[in-house]
Amino acid sequence: MTSALEPIGMTYHMPLHDVLRMVLLGNDERIGAGTALRIGLVSEITTLEDLWPRAAELAATIAAKPPAATAGSVKAIWESLDLPRSVALQQGLKYCQIGNPVGVPQVDRAALMADKAKKYTVR
């Protein structure tokens, strides 16, 4: 069975030799968690019992962000993959302007800056 679309997408995030190895060896080799993290296939490793709570925590954090900013950021990044860097940056600026309409704040900056007890995750 030809494997094409997923590996092509992976080449934007992973070293080419690792993508080719996965494609050529297919089901004859498994990738461990440490290797998956090292090659960029995953961004975080957790235990099985912590998997769903961690996923829910990340999802809740993302869902709490301003929707226009989140949607604009994701769309701009995906569209940039098919563009030369200079064009991608010009296109990205348009999303910054669209996603941040003047006079329509989606975040209470004063409240955000005043929250001294805010906890940040370091990875």
PDB file of N, CA and C in Angstrom:
ATOM      1  N   MET A   1       0.848  -1.178   0.000  1.00  0.00           N
ATOM      2  CA  MET A   1       0.000   0.000   0.000  1.00  0.00           C
ATOM      3  C   MET A   1       0.899   1.248   0.000  1.00  0.00           C
ATOM      4  N   THR A   2       0.651   2.146  -0.905  1.00  0.00           N
ATOM      5  CA  THR A   2       1.438   3.370  -0.980  1.00  0.00           C
ATOM      6  C   THR A   2       1.119   4.283   0.191  1.00  0.00           C
ATOM      7  N   SER A   3       2.141   4.794   0.788  1.00  0.00           N
ATOM      8  CA  SER A   3       2.001   5.758   1.871  1.00  0.00           C
ATOM      9  C   SER A   3       2.554   7.081   1.357  1.00  0.00           C
ATOM     10  N   ALA A   4       1.688   8.097   1.206  1.00  0.00           N
ATOM     11  CA  ALA A   4       2.155   9.347   0.599  1.00  0.00           C
ATOM     12  C   ALA A   4       1.718  10.587   1.364  1.00  0.00           C
ATOM     13  N   LEU A   5       0.429  10.759   1.578  1.00  0.00           N
ATOM     14  CA  LEU A   5      -0.061  12.026   2.135  1.00  0.00           C
ATOM     15  C   LEU A   5       0.456  12.295   3.543  1.00  0.00           C
ATOM     16  N   GLU A   6       0.335  11.336   4.428  1.00  0.00           N
ATOM     17  CA  GLU A   6       0.802  11.545   5.798  1.00  0.00           C
ATOM     18  C   GLU A   6       2.315  11.775   5.856  1.00  0.00           C
ATOM     19  N   PRO A   7       3.110  10.932   5.165  1.00  0.00           N
ATOM     20  CA  PRO A   7       4.556  11.187   5.196  1.00  0.00           C
ATOM     21  C   PRO A   7       4.949  12.537   4.619  1.00  0.00           C
ATOM     22  N   ILE A   8       4.268  12.985   3.581  1.00  0.00           N
ATOM     23  CA  ILE A   8       4.584  14.306   3.030  1.00  0.00           C
ATOM     24  C   ILE A   8       4.348  15.373   4.094  1.00  0.00           C
ATOM     25  N   GLY A   9       3.237  15.288   4.809  1.00  0.00           N
ATOM     26  CA  GLY A   9       2.972  16.230   5.891  1.00  0.00           C
ATOM     27  C   GLY A   9       3.993  16.138   7.010  1.00  0.00           C
ATOM     28  N   MET A  10       4.439  14.922   7.303  1.00  0.00           N
ATOM     29  CA  MET A  10       5.421  14.728   8.378  1.00  0.00           C
ATOM     30  C   MET A  10       6.759  15.385   8.057  1.00  0.00           C
ATOM     31  N   THR A  11       7.106  15.496   6.777  1.00  0.00           N
ATOM     32  CA  THR A  11       8.402  16.075   6.427  1.00  0.00           C
ATOM     33  C   THR A  11       8.519  17.541   6.830  1.00  0.00           C
ATOM     34  N   TYR A  12       7.392  18.180   7.145  1.00  0.00           N
ATOM     35  CA  TYR A  12       7.433  19.561   7.631  1.00  0.00           C
ATOM     36  C   TYR A  12       7.804  19.622   9.115  1.00  0.00           C
ATOM     37  N   HIS A  13       7.730  18.484   9.801  1.00  0.00           N
ATOM     38  CA  HIS A  13       7.919  18.478  11.250  1.00  0.00           C
ATOM     39  C   HIS A  13       9.031  17.555  11.719  1.00  0.00           C
ATOM     40  N   MET A  14       9.407  16.616  10.864  1.00  0.00           N
ATOM     41  CA  MET A  14      10.357  15.590  11.272  1.00  0.00           C
ATOM     42  C   MET A  14      11.503  15.495  10.272  1.00  0.00           C
ATOM     43  N   PRO A  15      12.646  14.976  10.710  1.00  0.00           N
ATOM     44  CA  PRO A  15      13.751  14.757   9.776  1.00  0.00           C
ATOM     45  C   PRO A  15      13.344  13.785   8.670  1.00  0.00           C
ATOM     46  N   LEU A  16      13.776  14.068   7.447  1.00  0.00           N
ATOM     47  CA  LEU A  16      13.410  13.256   6.297  1.00  0.00           C
ATOM     48  C   LEU A  16      13.813  11.795   6.482  1.00  0.00           C
ATOM     49  N   HIS A  17      14.999  11.548   7.040  1.00  0.00           N
ATOM     50  CA  HIS A  17      15.435  10.154   7.188  1.00  0.00           C
ATOM     51  C   HIS A  17      14.531   9.373   8.132  1.00  0.00           C
ATOM     52  N   ASP A  18      13.971  10.004   9.143  1.00  0.00           N
ATOM     53  CA  ASP A  18      13.051   9.318  10.051  1.00  0.00           C
ATOM     54  C   ASP A  18      11.715   9.031   9.372  1.00  0.00           C
ATOM     55  N   VAL A  19      11.239   9.966   8.561  1.00  0.00           N
ATOM     56  CA  VAL A  19       9.995   9.747   7.818  1.00  0.00           C
ATOM     57  C   VAL A  19      10.185   8.588   6.837  1.00  0.00           C
ATOM     58  N   LEU A  20      11.287   8.603   6.102  1.00  0.00           N
ATOM     59  CA  LEU A  20      11.546   7.531   5.141  1.00  0.00           C
ATOM     60  C   LEU A  20      11.670   6.183   5.832  1.00  0.00           C
ATOM     61  N   ARG A  21      12.311   6.149   6.973  1.00  0.00           N
ATOM     62  CA  ARG A  21      12.440   4.891   7.719  1.00  0.00           C
ATOM     63  C   ARG A  21      11.070   4.359   8.111  1.00  0.00           C
ATOM     64  N   MET A  22      10.202   5.245   8.603  1.00  0.00           N
ATOM     65  CA  MET A  22       8.846   4.817   8.978  1.00  0.00           C
ATOM     66  C   MET A  22       8.098   4.268   7.769  1.00  0.00           C
ATOM     67  N   VAL A  23       8.197   4.946   6.639  1.00  0.00           N
ATOM     68  CA  VAL A  23       7.490   4.531   5.426  1.00  0.00           C
ATOM     69  C   VAL A  23       8.024   3.199   4.922  1.00  0.00           C
ATOM     70  N   LEU A  24       9.340   3.052   4.860  1.00  0.00           N
ATOM     71  CA  LEU A  24       9.928   1.851   4.274  1.00  0.00           C
ATOM     72  C   LEU A  24       9.813   0.623   5.170  1.00  0.00           C
ATOM     73  N   LEU A  25       9.884   0.811   6.485  1.00  0.00           N
ATOM     74  CA  LEU A  25       9.769  -0.329   7.390  1.00  0.00           C
ATOM     75  C   LEU A  25       8.328  -0.631   7.778  1.00  0.00           C
ATOM     76  N   GLY A  26       7.461   0.373   7.698  1.00  0.00           N
ATOM     77  CA  GLY A  26       6.039   0.164   7.961  1.00  0.00           C
ATOM     78  C   GLY A  26       5.748  -0.555   9.258  1.00  0.00           C
ATOM     79  N   ASN A  27       4.963  -1.608   9.179  1.00  0.00           N
ATOM     80  CA  ASN A  27       4.548  -2.353  10.371  1.00  0.00           C
ATOM     81  C   ASN A  27       5.626  -3.254  10.952  1.00  0.00           C
ATOM     82  N   ASP A  28       6.797  -3.272  10.347  1.00  0.00           N
ATOM     83  CA  ASP A  28       7.868  -4.134  10.840  1.00  0.00           C
ATOM     84  C   ASP A  28       8.699  -3.481  11.927  1.00  0.00           C
ATOM     85  N   GLU A  29       8.440  -2.247  12.247  1.00  0.00           N
ATOM     86  CA  GLU A  29       9.179  -1.571  13.313  1.00  0.00           C
ATOM     87  C   GLU A  29       8.230  -0.680  14.087  1.00  0.00           C
ATOM     88  N   ARG A  30       8.396  -0.640  15.384  1.00  0.00           N
ATOM     89  CA  ARG A  30       7.613   0.230  16.249  1.00  0.00           C
ATOM     90  C   ARG A  30       8.506   1.346  16.762  1.00  0.00           C
ATOM     91  N   ILE A  31       7.908   2.492  17.050  1.00  0.00           N
ATOM     92  CA  ILE A  31       8.649   3.637  17.560  1.00  0.00           C
ATOM     93  C   ILE A  31       8.309   3.804  19.031  1.00  0.00           C
ATOM     94  N   GLY A  32       9.330   3.836  19.868  1.00  0.00           N
ATOM     95  CA  GLY A  32       9.134   4.040  21.293  1.00  0.00           C
ATOM     96  C   GLY A  32       8.831   5.502  21.602  1.00  0.00           C
ATOM     97  N   ALA A  33       8.346   5.746  22.803  1.00  0.00           N
ATOM     98  CA  ALA A  33       7.962   7.101  23.210  1.00  0.00           C
ATOM     99  C   ALA A  33       9.141   8.070  23.157  1.00  0.00           C
ATOM    100  N   GLY A  34      10.301   7.641  23.619  1.00  0.00           N
ATOM    101  CA  GLY A  34      11.473   8.516  23.615  1.00  0.00           C
ATOM    102  C   GLY A  34      11.904   8.897  22.211  1.00  0.00           C
ATOM    103  N   THR A  35      11.882   7.922  21.302  1.00  0.00           N
ATOM    104  CA  THR A  35      12.230   8.205  19.912  1.00  0.00           C
ATOM    105  C   THR A  35      11.190   9.123  19.281  1.00  0.00           C
ATOM    106  N   ALA A  36       9.904   8.870  19.539  1.00  0.00           N
ATOM    107  CA  ALA A  36       8.834   9.710  18.989  1.00  0.00           C
ATOM    108  C   ALA A  36       8.996  11.158  19.433  1.00  0.00           C
ATOM    109  N   LEU A  37       9.393  11.373  20.677  1.00  0.00           N
ATOM    110  CA  LEU A  37       9.623  12.731  21.175  1.00  0.00           C
ATOM    111  C   LEU A  37      10.854  13.342  20.513  1.00  0.00           C
ATOM    112  N   ARG A  38      11.923  12.574  20.413  1.00  0.00           N
ATOM    113  CA  ARG A  38      13.177  13.075  19.835  1.00  0.00           C
ATOM    114  C   ARG A  38      13.027  13.484  18.376  1.00  0.00           C
ATOM    115  N   ILE A  39      12.256  12.723  17.591  1.00  0.00           N
ATOM    116  CA  ILE A  39      12.136  13.029  16.167  1.00  0.00           C
ATOM    117  C   ILE A  39      10.998  13.998  15.853  1.00  0.00           C
ATOM    118  N   GLY A  40      10.231  14.381  16.860  1.00  0.00           N
ATOM    119  CA  GLY A  40       9.179  15.371  16.643  1.00  0.00           C
ATOM    120  C   GLY A  40       7.835  14.798  16.256  1.00  0.00           C
ATOM    121  N   LEU A  41       7.651  13.492  16.400  1.00  0.00           N
ATOM    122  CA  LEU A  41       6.362  12.874  16.098  1.00  0.00           C
ATOM    123  C   LEU A  41       5.328  13.237  17.164  1.00  0.00           C
ATOM    124  N   VAL A  42       5.782  13.405  18.394  1.00  0.00           N
ATOM    125  CA  VAL A  42       4.938  13.853  19.501  1.00  0.00           C
ATOM    126  C   VAL A  42       5.624  15.024  20.184  1.00  0.00           C
ATOM    127  N   SER A  43       4.870  15.810  20.941  1.00  0.00           N
ATOM    128  CA  SER A  43       5.460  16.959  21.626  1.00  0.00           C
ATOM    129  C   SER A  43       5.581  16.756  23.134  1.00  0.00           C
ATOM    130  N   GLU A  44       5.013  15.673  23.639  1.00  0.00           N
ATOM    131  CA  GLU A  44       5.041  15.432  25.078  1.00  0.00           C
ATOM    132  C   GLU A  44       4.806  13.952  25.334  1.00  0.00           C
ATOM    133  N   ILE A  45       5.422  13.447  26.394  1.00  0.00           N
ATOM    134  CA  ILE A  45       5.212  12.067  26.822  1.00  0.00           C
ATOM    135  C   ILE A  45       4.608  12.103  28.217  1.00  0.00           C
ATOM    136  N   THR A  46       3.627  11.243  28.449  1.00  0.00           N
ATOM    137  CA  THR A  46       3.023  11.136  29.769  1.00  0.00           C
ATOM    138  C   THR A  46       2.684   9.672  30.026  1.00  0.00           C
ATOM    139  N   THR A  47       2.346   9.356  31.254  1.00  0.00           N
ATOM    140  CA  THR A  47       1.955   7.982  31.570  1.00  0.00           C
ATOM    141  C   THR A  47       0.544   7.730  31.063  1.00  0.00           C
ATOM    142  N   LEU A  48       0.191   6.474  30.914  1.00  0.00           N
ATOM    143  CA  LEU A  48      -1.136   6.111  30.419  1.00  0.00           C
ATOM    144  C   LEU A  48      -2.241   6.639  31.340  1.00  0.00           C
ATOM    145  N   GLU A  49      -2.021   6.550  32.642  1.00  0.00           N
ATOM    146  CA  GLU A  49      -3.060   7.024  33.580  1.00  0.00           C
ATOM    147  C   GLU A  49      -3.201   8.545  33.570  1.00  0.00           C
ATOM    148  N   ASP A  50      -2.160   9.253  33.172  1.00  0.00           N
ATOM    149  CA  ASP A  50      -2.227  10.718  33.094  1.00  0.00           C
ATOM    150  C   ASP A  50      -2.611  11.238  31.711  1.00  0.00           C
ATOM    151  N   LEU A  51      -2.744  10.334  30.736  1.00  0.00           N
ATOM    152  CA  LEU A  51      -2.971  10.754  29.360  1.00  0.00           C
ATOM    153  C   LEU A  51      -4.237  11.581  29.186  1.00  0.00           C
ATOM    154  N   TRP A  52      -5.385  11.057  29.557  1.00  0.00           N
ATOM    155  CA  TRP A  52      -6.649  11.786  29.333  1.00  0.00           C
ATOM    156  C   TRP A  52      -6.774  13.019  30.211  1.00  0.00           C
ATOM    157  N   PRO A  53      -6.364  12.972  31.489  1.00  0.00           N
ATOM    158  CA  PRO A  53      -6.391  14.216  32.270  1.00  0.00           C
ATOM    159  C   PRO A  53      -5.498  15.311  31.668  1.00  0.00           C
ATOM    160  N   ARG A  54      -4.321  14.918  31.160  1.00  0.00           N
ATOM    161  CA  ARG A  54      -3.417  15.909  30.555  1.00  0.00           C
ATOM    162  C   ARG A  54      -4.007  16.464  29.269  1.00  0.00           C
ATOM    163  N   ALA A  55      -4.591  15.582  28.450  1.00  0.00           N
ATOM    164  CA  ALA A  55      -5.232  16.036  27.215  1.00  0.00           C
ATOM    165  C   ALA A  55      -6.376  16.998  27.523  1.00  0.00           C
ATOM    166  N   ALA A  56      -7.173  16.680  28.537  1.00  0.00           N
ATOM    167  CA  ALA A  56      -8.286  17.559  28.924  1.00  0.00           C
ATOM    168  C   ALA A  56      -7.770  18.899  29.439  1.00  0.00           C
ATOM    169  N   GLU A  57      -6.669  18.871  30.185  1.00  0.00           N
ATOM    170  CA  GLU A  57      -6.072  20.108  30.699  1.00  0.00           C
ATOM    171  C   GLU A  57      -5.597  21.008  29.552  1.00  0.00           C
ATOM    172  N   LEU A  58      -4.905  20.424  28.591  1.00  0.00           N
ATOM    173  CA  LEU A  58      -4.426  21.196  27.444  1.00  0.00           C
ATOM    174  C   LEU A  58      -5.602  21.734  26.623  1.00  0.00           C
ATOM    175  N   ALA A  59      -6.614  20.893  26.408  1.00  0.00           N
ATOM    176  CA  ALA A  59      -7.788  21.321  25.636  1.00  0.00           C
ATOM    177  C   ALA A  59      -8.504  22.473  26.332  1.00  0.00           C
ATOM    178  N   ALA A  60      -8.643  22.399  27.656  1.00  0.00           N
ATOM    179  CA  ALA A  60      -9.313  23.472  28.399  1.00  0.00           C
ATOM    180  C   ALA A  60      -8.519  24.769  28.325  1.00  0.00           C
ATOM    181  N   THR A  61      -7.204  24.679  28.396  1.00  0.00           N
ATOM    182  CA  THR A  61      -6.350  25.869  28.304  1.00  0.00           C
ATOM    183  C   THR A  61      -6.501  26.529  26.937  1.00  0.00           C
ATOM    184  N   ILE A  62      -6.494  25.714  25.884  1.00  0.00           N
ATOM    185  CA  ILE A  62      -6.651  26.256  24.531  1.00  0.00           C
ATOM    186  C   ILE A  62      -8.047  26.840  24.342  1.00  0.00           C
ATOM    187  N   ALA A  63      -9.066  26.143  24.834  1.00  0.00           N
ATOM    188  CA  ALA A  63     -10.452  26.595  24.662  1.00  0.00           C
ATOM    189  C   ALA A  63     -10.721  27.908  25.389  1.00  0.00           C
ATOM    190  N   ALA A  64      -9.943  28.216  26.414  1.00  0.00           N
ATOM    191  CA  ALA A  64     -10.136  29.450  27.181  1.00  0.00           C
ATOM    192  C   ALA A  64      -9.549  30.668  26.477  1.00  0.00           C
ATOM    193  N   LYS A  65      -8.795  30.442  25.432  1.00  0.00           N
ATOM    194  CA  LYS A  65      -8.171  31.555  24.703  1.00  0.00           C
ATOM    195  C   LYS A  65      -9.188  32.210  23.768  1.00  0.00           C
ATOM    196  N   PRO A  66      -8.937  33.445  23.338  1.00  0.00           N
ATOM    197  CA  PRO A  66      -9.852  34.129  22.420  1.00  0.00           C
ATOM    198  C   PRO A  66      -9.999  33.343  21.107  1.00  0.00           C
ATOM    199  N   PRO A  67     -11.215  32.990  20.717  1.00  0.00           N
ATOM    200  CA  PRO A  67     -11.422  32.154  19.534  1.00  0.00           C
ATOM    201  C   PRO A  67     -10.889  32.750  18.231  1.00  0.00           C
ATOM    202  N   ALA A  68     -11.052  34.053  18.028  1.00  0.00           N
ATOM    203  CA  ALA A  68     -10.577  34.669  16.787  1.00  0.00           C
ATOM    204  C   ALA A  68      -9.054  34.579  16.683  1.00  0.00           C
ATOM    205  N   ALA A  69      -8.368  34.785  17.791  1.00  0.00           N
ATOM    206  CA  ALA A  69      -6.910  34.710  17.792  1.00  0.00           C
ATOM    207  C   ALA A  69      -6.441  33.282  17.546  1.00  0.00           C
ATOM    208  N   THR A  70      -7.099  32.321  18.179  1.00  0.00           N
ATOM    209  CA  THR A  70      -6.729  30.918  17.987  1.00  0.00           C
ATOM    210  C   THR A  70      -6.951  30.490  16.546  1.00  0.00           C
ATOM    211  N   ALA A  71      -8.126  30.786  16.002  1.00  0.00           N
ATOM    212  CA  ALA A  71      -8.445  30.394  14.630  1.00  0.00           C
ATOM    213  C   ALA A  71      -7.512  31.068  13.627  1.00  0.00           C
ATOM    214  N   GLY A  72      -7.257  32.351  13.812  1.00  0.00           N
ATOM    215  CA  GLY A  72      -6.370  33.076  12.906  1.00  0.00           C
ATOM    216  C   GLY A  72      -4.951  32.555  12.960  1.00  0.00           C
ATOM    217  N   SER A  73      -4.471  32.233  14.149  1.00  0.00           N
ATOM    218  CA  SER A  73      -3.111  31.712  14.309  1.00  0.00           C
ATOM    219  C   SER A  73      -2.949  30.376  13.602  1.00  0.00           C
ATOM    220  N   VAL A  74      -3.884  29.462  13.848  1.00  0.00           N
ATOM    221  CA  VAL A  74      -3.802  28.136  13.241  1.00  0.00           C
ATOM    222  C   VAL A  74      -3.911  28.220  11.721  1.00  0.00           C
ATOM    223  N   LYS A  75      -4.841  29.011  11.234  1.00  0.00           N
ATOM    224  CA  LYS A  75      -5.020  29.143   9.779  1.00  0.00           C
ATOM    225  C   LYS A  75      -3.778  29.753   9.130  1.00  0.00           C
ATOM    226  N   ALA A  76      -3.220  30.773   9.736  1.00  0.00           N
ATOM    227  CA  ALA A  76      -2.027  31.419   9.178  1.00  0.00           C
ATOM    228  C   ALA A  76      -0.850  30.450   9.125  1.00  0.00           C
ATOM    229  N   ILE A  77      -0.685  29.656  10.157  1.00  0.00           N
ATOM    230  CA  ILE A  77       0.433  28.707  10.189  1.00  0.00           C
ATOM    231  C   ILE A  77       0.254  27.634   9.120  1.00  0.00           C
ATOM    232  N   TRP A  78      -0.944  27.058   9.005  1.00  0.00           N
ATOM    233  CA  TRP A  78      -1.173  26.025   7.992  1.00  0.00           C
ATOM    234  C   TRP A  78      -0.980  26.579   6.588  1.00  0.00           C
ATOM    235  N   GLU A  79      -1.485  27.767   6.328  1.00  0.00           N
ATOM    236  CA  GLU A  79      -1.334  28.360   4.998  1.00  0.00           C
ATOM    237  C   GLU A  79       0.127  28.694   4.686  1.00  0.00           C
ATOM    238  N   SER A  80       0.902  29.011   5.687  1.00  0.00           N
ATOM    239  CA  SER A  80       2.297  29.387   5.455  1.00  0.00           C
ATOM    240  C   SER A  80       3.147  28.232   4.944  1.00  0.00           C
ATOM    241  N   LEU A  81       2.714  27.017   5.182  1.00  0.00           N
ATOM    242  CA  LEU A  81       3.517  25.857   4.797  1.00  0.00           C
ATOM    243  C   LEU A  81       3.725  25.749   3.292  1.00  0.00           C
ATOM    244  N   ASP A  82       2.822  26.301   2.508  1.00  0.00           N
ATOM    245  CA  ASP A  82       2.925  26.225   1.051  1.00  0.00           C
ATOM    246  C   ASP A  82       3.523  27.479   0.426  1.00  0.00           C
ATOM    247  N   LEU A  83       4.019  28.393   1.255  1.00  0.00           N
ATOM    248  CA  LEU A  83       4.492  29.684   0.742  1.00  0.00           C
ATOM    249  C   LEU A  83       5.969  29.892   1.044  1.00  0.00           C
ATOM    250  N   PRO A  84       6.653  30.678   0.210  1.00  0.00           N
ATOM    251  CA  PRO A  84       8.013  31.096   0.578  1.00  0.00           C
ATOM    252  C   PRO A  84       7.950  31.930   1.865  1.00  0.00           C
ATOM    253  N   ARG A  85       9.022  31.942   2.624  1.00  0.00           N
ATOM    254  CA  ARG A  85       9.029  32.603   3.935  1.00  0.00           C
ATOM    255  C   ARG A  85       8.579  34.058   3.879  1.00  0.00           C
ATOM    256  N   SER A  86       9.084  34.845   2.929  1.00  0.00           N
ATOM    257  CA  SER A  86       8.732  36.266   2.873  1.00  0.00           C
ATOM    258  C   SER A  86       7.240  36.450   2.591  1.00  0.00           C
ATOM    259  N   VAL A  87       6.688  35.631   1.723  1.00  0.00           N
ATOM    260  CA  VAL A  87       5.255  35.716   1.411  1.00  0.00           C
ATOM    261  C   VAL A  87       4.429  35.251   2.611  1.00  0.00           C
ATOM    262  N   ALA A  88       4.891  34.215   3.275  1.00  0.00           N
ATOM    263  CA  ALA A  88       4.189  33.710   4.458  1.00  0.00           C
ATOM    264  C   ALA A  88       4.121  34.776   5.554  1.00  0.00           C
ATOM    265  N   LEU A  89       5.202  35.519   5.738  1.00  0.00           N
ATOM    266  CA  LEU A  89       5.220  36.581   6.750  1.00  0.00           C
ATOM    267  C   LEU A  89       4.256  37.708   6.387  1.00  0.00           C
ATOM    268  N   GLN A  90       4.203  38.073   5.110  1.00  0.00           N
ATOM    269  CA  GLN A  90       3.250  39.103   4.666  1.00  0.00           C
ATOM    270  C   GLN A  90       1.816  38.635   4.881  1.00  0.00           C
ATOM    271  N   GLN A  91       1.556  37.390   4.535  1.00  0.00           N
ATOM    272  CA  GLN A  91       0.213  36.824   4.710  1.00  0.00           C
ATOM    273  C   GLN A  91      -0.136  36.752   6.202  1.00  0.00           C
ATOM    274  N   GLY A  92       0.830  36.365   7.024  1.00  0.00           N
ATOM    275  CA  GLY A  92       0.609  36.258   8.459  1.00  0.00           C
ATOM    276  C   GLY A  92       0.246  37.589   9.094  1.00  0.00           C
ATOM    277  N   LEU A  93       0.828  38.673   8.594  1.00  0.00           N
ATOM    278  CA  LEU A  93       0.500  40.001   9.109  1.00  0.00           C
ATOM    279  C   LEU A  93      -0.982  40.301   8.915  1.00  0.00           C
ATOM    280  N   LYS A  94      -1.538  39.872   7.803  1.00  0.00           N
ATOM    281  CA  LYS A  94      -2.973  40.091   7.550  1.00  0.00           C
ATOM    282  C   LYS A  94      -3.821  39.391   8.604  1.00  0.00           C
ATOM    283  N   TYR A  95      -3.413  38.190   8.995  1.00  0.00           N
ATOM    284  CA  TYR A  95      -4.172  37.479  10.029  1.00  0.00           C
ATOM    285  C   TYR A  95      -4.055  38.177  11.377  1.00  0.00           C
ATOM    286  N   CYS A  96      -2.918  38.782  11.663  1.00  0.00           N
ATOM    287  CA  CYS A  96      -2.776  39.542  12.910  1.00  0.00           C
ATOM    288  C   CYS A  96      -3.763  40.699  12.929  1.00  0.00           C
ATOM    289  N   GLN A  97      -3.943  41.351  11.790  1.00  0.00           N
ATOM    290  CA  GLN A  97      -4.871  42.483  11.717  1.00  0.00           C
ATOM    291  C   GLN A  97      -6.322  42.016  11.779  1.00  0.00           C
ATOM    292  N   ILE A  98      -6.634  40.928  11.106  1.00  0.00           N
ATOM    293  CA  ILE A  98      -8.018  40.407  11.122  1.00  0.00           C
ATOM    294  C   ILE A  98      -8.361  39.834  12.489  1.00  0.00           C
ATOM    295  N   GLY A  99      -7.418  39.103  13.088  1.00  0.00           N
ATOM    296  CA  GLY A  99      -7.665  38.445  14.365  1.00  0.00           C
ATOM    297  C   GLY A  99      -7.621  39.359  15.564  1.00  0.00           C
ATOM    298  N   ASN A 100      -7.247  40.602  15.365  1.00  0.00           N
ATOM    299  CA  ASN A 100      -7.159  41.568  16.451  1.00  0.00           C
ATOM    300  C   ASN A 100      -7.899  42.845  16.053  1.00  0.00           C
ATOM    301  N   PRO A 101      -9.229  42.760  15.903  1.00  0.00           N
ATOM    302  CA  PRO A 101      -9.961  43.939  15.456  1.00  0.00           C
ATOM    303  C   PRO A 101      -9.821  45.101  16.441  1.00  0.00           C
ATOM    304  N   VAL A 102      -9.605  46.290  15.898  1.00  0.00           N
ATOM    305  CA  VAL A 102      -9.427  47.492  16.710  1.00  0.00           C
ATOM    306  C   VAL A 102     -10.717  47.791  17.468  1.00  0.00           C
ATOM    307  N   GLY A 103     -10.590  48.039  18.746  1.00  0.00           N
ATOM    308  CA  GLY A 103     -11.740  48.413  19.559  1.00  0.00           C
ATOM    309  C   GLY A 103     -12.601  47.251  20.022  1.00  0.00           C
ATOM    310  N   VAL A 104     -12.182  46.005  19.734  1.00  0.00           N
ATOM    311  CA  VAL A 104     -12.965  44.839  20.150  1.00  0.00           C
ATOM    312  C   VAL A 104     -12.046  43.884  20.918  1.00  0.00           C
ATOM    313  N   PRO A 105     -11.724  44.230  22.169  1.00  0.00           N
ATOM    314  CA  PRO A 105     -10.819  43.370  22.922  1.00  0.00           C
ATOM    315  C   PRO A 105     -11.486  42.044  23.295  1.00  0.00           C
ATOM    316  N   GLN A 106     -10.734  40.966  23.160  1.00  0.00           N
ATOM    317  CA  GLN A 106     -11.237  39.659  23.576  1.00  0.00           C
ATOM    318  C   GLN A 106     -10.590  39.214  24.877  1.00  0.00           C
ATOM    319  N   VAL A 107      -9.644  39.997  25.356  1.00  0.00           N
ATOM    320  CA  VAL A 107      -8.927  39.674  26.583  1.00  0.00           C
ATOM    321  C   VAL A 107      -8.903  40.911  27.460  1.00  0.00           C
ATOM    322  N   ASP A 108      -9.178  40.735  28.751  1.00  0.00           N
ATOM    323  CA  ASP A 108      -9.075  41.826  29.708  1.00  0.00           C
ATOM    324  C   ASP A 108      -7.614  41.900  30.152  1.00  0.00           C
ATOM    325  N   ARG A 109      -6.841  42.722  29.456  1.00  0.00           N
ATOM    326  CA  ARG A 109      -5.393  42.795  29.689  1.00  0.00           C
ATOM    327  C   ARG A 109      -5.068  43.184  31.134  1.00  0.00           C
ATOM    328  N   ALA A 110      -5.794  44.119  31.699  1.00  0.00           N
ATOM    329  CA  ALA A 110      -5.521  44.553  33.074  1.00  0.00           C
ATOM    330  C   ALA A 110      -5.705  43.388  34.047  1.00  0.00           C
ATOM    331  N   ALA A 111      -6.769  42.620  33.865  1.00  0.00           N
ATOM    332  CA  ALA A 111      -7.005  41.477  34.748  1.00  0.00           C
ATOM    333  C   ALA A 111      -5.934  40.410  34.553  1.00  0.00           C
ATOM    334  N   LEU A 112      -5.536  40.223  33.329  1.00  0.00           N
ATOM    335  CA  LEU A 112      -4.512  39.233  33.025  1.00  0.00           C
ATOM    336  C   LEU A 112      -3.182  39.616  33.663  1.00  0.00           C
ATOM    337  N   MET A 113      -2.797  40.867  33.555  1.00  0.00           N
ATOM    338  CA  MET A 113      -1.523  41.327  34.105  1.00  0.00           C
ATOM    339  C   MET A 113      -1.563  41.421  35.628  1.00  0.00           C
ATOM    340  N   ALA A 114      -2.746  41.608  36.208  1.00  0.00           N
ATOM    341  CA  ALA A 114      -2.866  41.752  37.655  1.00  0.00           C
ATOM    342  C   ALA A 114      -2.837  40.406  38.371  1.00  0.00           C
ATOM    343  N   ASP A 115      -3.029  39.322  37.645  1.00  0.00           N
ATOM    344  CA  ASP A 115      -3.080  37.998  38.258  1.00  0.00           C
ATOM    345  C   ASP A 115      -1.661  37.515  38.562  1.00  0.00           C
ATOM    346  N   LYS A 116      -1.170  37.875  39.731  1.00  0.00           N
ATOM    347  CA  LYS A 116       0.204  37.519  40.111  1.00  0.00           C
ATOM    348  C   LYS A 116       0.320  36.038  40.483  1.00  0.00           C
ATOM    349  N   ALA A 117      -0.804  35.394  40.767  1.00  0.00           N
ATOM    350  CA  ALA A 117      -0.780  33.992  41.166  1.00  0.00           C
ATOM    351  C   ALA A 117      -0.849  33.053  39.960  1.00  0.00           C
ATOM    352  N   LYS A 118      -0.855  33.611  38.759  1.00  0.00           N
ATOM    353  CA  LYS A 118      -0.951  32.771  37.557  1.00  0.00           C
ATOM    354  C   LYS A 118       0.211  31.792  37.511  1.00  0.00           C
ATOM    355  N   LYS A 119      -0.126  30.545  37.225  1.00  0.00           N
ATOM    356  CA  LYS A 119       0.885  29.515  37.119  1.00  0.00           C
ATOM    357  C   LYS A 119       1.182  29.240  35.658  1.00  0.00           C
ATOM    358  N   TYR A 120       2.446  29.152  35.348  1.00  0.00           N
ATOM    359  CA  TYR A 120       2.872  28.883  33.971  1.00  0.00           C
ATOM    360  C   TYR A 120       3.485  27.485  33.921  1.00  0.00           C
ATOM    361  N   THR A 121       3.231  26.816  32.835  1.00  0.00           N
ATOM    362  CA  THR A 121       3.817  25.502  32.619  1.00  0.00           C
ATOM    363  C   THR A 121       5.137  25.677  31.882  1.00  0.00           C
ATOM    364  N   VAL A 122       6.150  25.003  32.358  1.00  0.00           N
ATOM    365  CA  VAL A 122       7.445  25.028  31.696  1.00  0.00           C
ATOM    366  C   VAL A 122       7.686  23.638  31.139  1.00  0.00           C
ATOM    367  N   ARG A 123       8.019  23.577  29.829  1.00  0.00           N
ATOM    368  CA  ARG A 123       8.301  22.258  29.264  1.00  0.00           C
ATOM    369  C   ARG A 123       9.657  22.238  28.630  1.00  0.00           C
TER     370      ARG A 123
END
